[in-house]
Amino acid sequence: MVGDIYLVFLGIAMGVAYLPLHWLFPYFFGQVPHPLGRRQVFRSVGTILLAALVLFALSTIMPDQDLGNRFLHTFGGGFLAFGVCFFAARDSRVHIGTFQFFFFSVLLVLALGIANELVEFVLQLYTGFPFAPSILDTWLDLTSNLVGVLLASMYFVPRYKKVGLRQ
């Protein structure tokens, strides 16, 4: 029950993270973000929330719980969070190169993965709900996040090159 609520919270957090990232990308690179249109927000946040829902559902129906957890951290953590960075950078119309987009997004996503593991640790400490049966699970989660980031970068960086440098 606590795990399901946490997954819903993470899905919503991914959608909400789009908004501050939309402003962070340009400001970090000394630019002013492009104003967001309602249609743009609904399309990007809707895509993020739908992807989160599908990925979380797939991870919960996997017969092997450990495999489901790896899948969730790879695609629901690393891949999807990198996708959020892609949508935010694209929609803010920040003028940066593909390497800047790649490097900044990787740092952001890995930092978010570490923050997630710290939240899991605190929740486990105070609620007693076992998020991680051992320290090995935490390292596997972080490794899965990294694999997801690398897969996402192969998918999103070429697409960013097409939209990000034309703006």
C-alpha atoms as a PDB file:
ATOM      1  CA  MET A   1       0.000   0.000   0.000  1.00  0.00           C
ATOM      2  CA  VAL A   2       2.728   2.468   0.976  1.00  0.00           C
ATOM      3  CA  GLY A   3       4.718   1.426  -2.111  1.00  0.00           C
ATOM      4  CA  ASP A   4       1.732   2.038  -4.407  1.00  0.00           C
ATOM      5  CA  ILE A   5       1.101   5.471  -2.902  1.00  0.00           C
ATOM      6  CA  TYR A   6       4.790   6.256  -3.320  1.00  0.00           C
ATOM      7  CA  LEU A   7       4.652   5.240  -7.005  1.00  0.00           C
ATOM      8  CA  VAL A   8       1.654   7.511  -7.580  1.00  0.00           C
ATOM      9  CA  PHE A   9       3.486  10.326  -5.803  1.00  0.00           C
ATOM     10  CA  LEU A  10       6.563   9.788  -8.012  1.00  0.00           C
ATOM     11  CA  GLY A  11       4.451   9.869 -11.171  1.00  0.00           C
ATOM     12  CA  ILE A  12       2.847  13.130 -10.128  1.00  0.00           C
ATOM     13  CA  ALA A  13       6.247  14.507  -9.072  1.00  0.00           C
ATOM     14  CA  MET A  14       7.611  13.754 -12.561  1.00  0.00           C
ATOM     15  CA  GLY A  15       4.804  15.788 -14.107  1.00  0.00           C
ATOM     16  CA  VAL A  16       5.247  18.636 -11.626  1.00  0.00           C
ATOM     17  CA  ALA A  17       9.051  18.633 -12.101  1.00  0.00           C
ATOM     18  CA  TYR A  18       8.506  19.697 -15.699  1.00  0.00           C
ATOM     19  CA  LEU A  19       7.545  23.221 -14.608  1.00  0.00           C
ATOM     20  CA  PRO A  20      10.638  24.149 -12.550  1.00  0.00           C
ATOM     21  CA  LEU A  21      12.871  22.441 -15.106  1.00  0.00           C
ATOM     22  CA  HIS A  22      11.273  24.549 -17.829  1.00  0.00           C
ATOM     23  CA  TRP A  23      12.638  27.612 -16.006  1.00  0.00           C
ATOM     24  CA  LEU A  24      15.878  26.028 -14.750  1.00  0.00           C
ATOM     25  CA  PHE A  25      17.296  25.094 -18.139  1.00  0.00           C
ATOM     26  CA  PRO A  26      17.321  28.643 -19.571  1.00  0.00           C
ATOM     27  CA  TYR A  27      18.320  30.361 -16.317  1.00  0.00           C
ATOM     28  CA  PHE A  28      21.215  27.967 -15.777  1.00  0.00           C
ATOM     29  CA  PHE A  29      22.526  28.890 -19.222  1.00  0.00           C
ATOM     30  CA  GLY A  30      21.891  32.636 -18.805  1.00  0.00           C
ATOM     31  CA  GLN A  31      18.767  32.830 -20.944  1.00  0.00           C
ATOM     32  CA  VAL A  32      15.113  33.725 -20.501  1.00  0.00           C
ATOM     33  CA  PRO A  33      12.615  30.868 -20.884  1.00  0.00           C
ATOM     34  CA  HIS A  34       9.983  30.949 -23.581  1.00  0.00           C
ATOM     35  CA  PRO A  35       6.512  31.482 -22.042  1.00  0.00           C
ATOM     36  CA  LEU A  36       4.518  28.296 -21.706  1.00  0.00           C
ATOM     37  CA  GLY A  37       1.266  27.854 -23.559  1.00  0.00           C
ATOM     38  CA  ARG A  38      -1.551  25.829 -22.030  1.00  0.00           C
ATOM     39  CA  ARG A  39      -1.537  23.376 -24.913  1.00  0.00           C
ATOM     40  CA  GLN A  40       2.205  22.866 -24.571  1.00  0.00           C
ATOM     41  CA  VAL A  41       1.943  22.175 -20.825  1.00  0.00           C
ATOM     42  CA  PHE A  42      -0.979  19.775 -21.219  1.00  0.00           C
ATOM     43  CA  ARG A  43       0.774  17.916 -24.028  1.00  0.00           C
ATOM     44  CA  SER A  44       4.126  17.585 -22.250  1.00  0.00           C
ATOM     45  CA  VAL A  45       2.808  16.943 -18.729  1.00  0.00           C
ATOM     46  CA  GLY A  46       0.116  14.633 -20.110  1.00  0.00           C
ATOM     47  CA  THR A  47       2.764  12.613 -21.956  1.00  0.00           C
ATOM     48  CA  ILE A  48       4.883  12.419 -18.798  1.00  0.00           C
ATOM     49  CA  LEU A  49       1.959  11.322 -16.604  1.00  0.00           C
ATOM     50  CA  LEU A  50       0.727   8.772 -19.139  1.00  0.00           C
ATOM     51  CA  ALA A  51       4.222   7.316 -19.531  1.00  0.00           C
ATOM     52  CA  ALA A  52       4.616   7.156 -15.735  1.00  0.00           C
ATOM     53  CA  LEU A  53       1.278   5.372 -15.382  1.00  0.00           C
ATOM     54  CA  VAL A  54       2.145   2.815 -18.067  1.00  0.00           C
ATOM     55  CA  LEU A  55       5.651   2.191 -16.715  1.00  0.00           C
ATOM     56  CA  PHE A  56       4.452   1.834 -13.126  1.00  0.00           C
ATOM     57  CA  ALA A  57       1.664  -0.532 -14.217  1.00  0.00           C
ATOM     58  CA  LEU A  58       4.112  -2.660 -16.208  1.00  0.00           C
ATOM     59  CA  SER A  59       6.512  -2.851 -13.276  1.00  0.00           C
ATOM     60  CA  THR A  60       3.796  -4.003 -10.872  1.00  0.00           C
ATOM     61  CA  ILE A  61       2.463  -6.786 -13.128  1.00  0.00           C
ATOM     62  CA  MET A  62       5.882  -8.357 -13.655  1.00  0.00           C
ATOM     63  CA  PRO A  63       5.947 -11.772 -11.981  1.00  0.00           C
ATOM     64  CA  ASP A  64       9.464 -11.246 -10.595  1.00  0.00           C
ATOM     65  CA  GLN A  65       9.361  -8.357  -8.105  1.00  0.00           C
ATOM     66  CA  ASP A  66      13.114  -7.739  -8.338  1.00  0.00           C
ATOM     67  CA  LEU A  67      12.930  -7.522 -12.133  1.00  0.00           C
ATOM     68  CA  GLY A  68       9.963  -5.169 -11.787  1.00  0.00           C
ATOM     69  CA  ASN A  69      12.005  -2.952  -9.480  1.00  0.00           C
ATOM     70  CA  ARG A  70      14.931  -2.885 -11.944  1.00  0.00           C
ATOM     71  CA  PHE A  71      12.494  -2.056 -14.774  1.00  0.00           C
ATOM     72  CA  LEU A  72      10.904   0.694 -12.693  1.00  0.00           C
ATOM     73  CA  HIS A  73      14.225   2.352 -11.864  1.00  0.00           C
ATOM     74  CA  THR A  74      15.554   1.987 -15.402  1.00  0.00           C
ATOM     75  CA  PHE A  75      12.509   3.261 -17.271  1.00  0.00           C
ATOM     76  CA  GLY A  76      10.370   4.971 -14.623  1.00  0.00           C
ATOM     77  CA  GLY A  77      13.396   6.628 -13.051  1.00  0.00           C
ATOM     78  CA  GLY A  78      16.274   7.194 -15.418  1.00  0.00           C
ATOM     79  CA  PHE A  79      14.536   7.113 -18.808  1.00  0.00           C
ATOM     80  CA  LEU A  80      11.391   9.030 -17.845  1.00  0.00           C
ATOM     81  CA  ALA A  81      13.257  11.668 -15.821  1.00  0.00           C
ATOM     82  CA  PHE A  82      15.551  12.286 -18.792  1.00  0.00           C
ATOM     83  CA  GLY A  83      12.415  12.595 -20.912  1.00  0.00           C
ATOM     84  CA  VAL A  84      11.110  15.251 -18.511  1.00  0.00           C
ATOM     85  CA  CYS A  85      14.379  17.151 -19.064  1.00  0.00           C
ATOM     86  CA  PHE A  86      13.887  16.824 -22.820  1.00  0.00           C
ATOM     87  CA  PHE A  87      10.354  18.240 -22.716  1.00  0.00           C
ATOM     88  CA  ALA A  88      11.372  21.062 -20.378  1.00  0.00           C
ATOM     89  CA  ALA A  89      14.407  22.068 -22.458  1.00  0.00           C
ATOM     90  CA  ARG A  90      12.500  21.787 -25.719  1.00  0.00           C
ATOM     91  CA  ASP A  91       9.509  23.771 -24.510  1.00  0.00           C
ATOM     92  CA  SER A  92      11.634  26.483 -22.869  1.00  0.00           C
ATOM     93  CA  ARG A  93      13.425  26.936 -26.195  1.00  0.00           C
ATOM     94  CA  VAL A  94      16.783  27.176 -24.482  1.00  0.00           C
ATOM     95  CA  HIS A  95      19.620  27.643 -26.972  1.00  0.00           C
ATOM     96  CA  ILE A  96      22.215  25.085 -25.942  1.00  0.00           C
ATOM     97  CA  GLY A  97      24.150  22.435 -27.775  1.00  0.00           C
ATOM     98  CA  THR A  98      23.408  18.752 -27.584  1.00  0.00           C
ATOM     99  CA  PHE A  99      26.379  18.101 -25.292  1.00  0.00           C
ATOM    100  CA  GLN A 100      25.179  20.775 -22.856  1.00  0.00           C
ATOM    101  CA  PHE A 101      21.686  19.284 -22.946  1.00  0.00           C
ATOM    102  CA  PHE A 102      23.060  15.770 -22.437  1.00  0.00           C
ATOM    103  CA  PHE A 103      25.470  16.656 -19.624  1.00  0.00           C
ATOM    104  CA  PHE A 104      23.084  18.899 -17.674  1.00  0.00           C
ATOM    105  CA  SER A 105      20.229  16.386 -18.008  1.00  0.00           C
ATOM    106  CA  VAL A 106      22.422  13.496 -16.856  1.00  0.00           C
ATOM    107  CA  LEU A 107      23.495  15.458 -13.774  1.00  0.00           C
ATOM    108  CA  LEU A 108      19.904  16.409 -12.967  1.00  0.00           C
ATOM    109  CA  VAL A 109      18.514  12.911 -13.396  1.00  0.00           C
ATOM    110  CA  LEU A 110      21.261  11.241 -11.375  1.00  0.00           C
ATOM    111  CA  ALA A 111      20.781  13.826  -8.607  1.00  0.00           C
ATOM    112  CA  LEU A 112      17.045  13.085  -8.619  1.00  0.00           C
ATOM    113  CA  GLY A 113      17.794   9.357  -8.402  1.00  0.00           C
ATOM    114  CA  ILE A 114      20.000   9.919  -5.371  1.00  0.00           C
ATOM    115  CA  ALA A 115      17.317  12.122  -3.799  1.00  0.00           C
ATOM    116  CA  ASN A 116      14.768   9.351  -4.390  1.00  0.00           C
ATOM    117  CA  GLU A 117      16.985   6.826  -2.620  1.00  0.00           C
ATOM    118  CA  LEU A 118      17.404   9.216   0.314  1.00  0.00           C
ATOM    119  CA  VAL A 119      13.623   9.658   0.533  1.00  0.00           C
ATOM    120  CA  GLU A 120      13.184   5.883   0.473  1.00  0.00           C
ATOM    121  CA  PHE A 121      15.761   5.592   3.277  1.00  0.00           C
ATOM    122  CA  VAL A 122      13.982   8.179   5.453  1.00  0.00           C
ATOM    123  CA  LEU A 123      10.563   6.636   4.793  1.00  0.00           C
ATOM    124  CA  GLN A 124      11.887   3.189   5.642  1.00  0.00           C
ATOM    125  CA  LEU A 125      13.516   4.529   8.784  1.00  0.00           C
ATOM    126  CA  TYR A 126      10.350   6.229  10.079  1.00  0.00           C
ATOM    127  CA  THR A 127       7.537   4.053   8.686  1.00  0.00           C
ATOM    128  CA  GLY A 128       9.199   0.654   8.865  1.00  0.00           C
ATOM    129  CA  PHE A 129       8.017  -0.079   5.304  1.00  0.00           C
ATOM    130  CA  PRO A 130      10.836  -2.019   3.587  1.00  0.00           C
ATOM    131  CA  PHE A 131      11.752  -0.016   0.494  1.00  0.00           C
ATOM    132  CA  ALA A 132      15.173  -1.679   0.299  1.00  0.00           C
ATOM    133  CA  PRO A 133      15.868  -5.090   1.817  1.00  0.00           C
ATOM    134  CA  SER A 134      19.614  -4.383   1.762  1.00  0.00           C
ATOM    135  CA  ILE A 135      22.145  -1.772   0.740  1.00  0.00           C
ATOM    136  CA  LEU A 136      22.685  -3.815  -2.431  1.00  0.00           C
ATOM    137  CA  ASP A 137      19.157  -2.870  -3.553  1.00  0.00           C
ATOM    138  CA  THR A 138      20.005   0.824  -3.260  1.00  0.00           C
ATOM    139  CA  TRP A 139      23.113   0.381  -5.417  1.00  0.00           C
ATOM    140  CA  LEU A 140      21.151  -1.674  -7.957  1.00  0.00           C
ATOM    141  CA  ASP A 141      18.517   1.091  -8.045  1.00  0.00           C
ATOM    142  CA  LEU A 142      21.156   3.744  -8.733  1.00  0.00           C
ATOM    143  CA  THR A 143      22.787   1.550 -11.371  1.00  0.00           C
ATOM    144  CA  SER A 144      19.394   0.961 -13.001  1.00  0.00           C
ATOM    145  CA  ASN A 145      18.799   4.724 -13.027  1.00  0.00           C
ATOM    146  CA  LEU A 146      22.131   5.178 -14.808  1.00  0.00           C
ATOM    147  CA  VAL A 147      21.237   2.529 -17.399  1.00  0.00           C
ATOM    148  CA  GLY A 148      17.927   4.315 -17.950  1.00  0.00           C
ATOM    149  CA  VAL A 149      19.728   7.641 -18.407  1.00  0.00           C
ATOM    150  CA  LEU A 150      22.056   6.123 -20.991  1.00  0.00           C
ATOM    151  CA  LEU A 151      19.165   4.518 -22.900  1.00  0.00           C
ATOM    152  CA  ALA A 152      17.185   7.756 -22.742  1.00  0.00           C
ATOM    153  CA  SER A 153      20.135   9.790 -23.959  1.00  0.00           C
ATOM    154  CA  MET A 154      20.382   7.537 -27.027  1.00  0.00           C
ATOM    155  CA  TYR A 155      16.717   8.232 -27.709  1.00  0.00           C
ATOM    156  CA  PHE A 156      16.317  11.908 -26.715  1.00  0.00           C
ATOM    157  CA  VAL A 157      19.660  13.553 -27.572  1.00  0.00           C
ATOM    158  CA  PRO A 158      19.277  13.054 -31.342  1.00  0.00           C
ATOM    159  CA  ARG A 159      15.745  14.435 -31.084  1.00  0.00           C
ATOM    160  CA  TYR A 160      16.996  17.415 -29.099  1.00  0.00           C
ATOM    161  CA  LYS A 161      19.558  18.079 -31.792  1.00  0.00           C
ATOM    162  CA  LYS A 162      16.720  18.353 -34.296  1.00  0.00           C
ATOM    163  CA  VAL A 163      14.525  20.699 -32.209  1.00  0.00           C
ATOM    164  CA  GLY A 164      16.907  22.321 -29.747  1.00  0.00           C
ATOM    165  CA  LEU A 165      19.388  23.850 -32.149  1.00  0.00           C
ATOM    166  CA  ARG A 166      16.791  25.161 -34.647  1.00  0.00           C
ATOM    167  CA  GLN A 167      14.958  27.453 -32.267  1.00  0.00           C
END
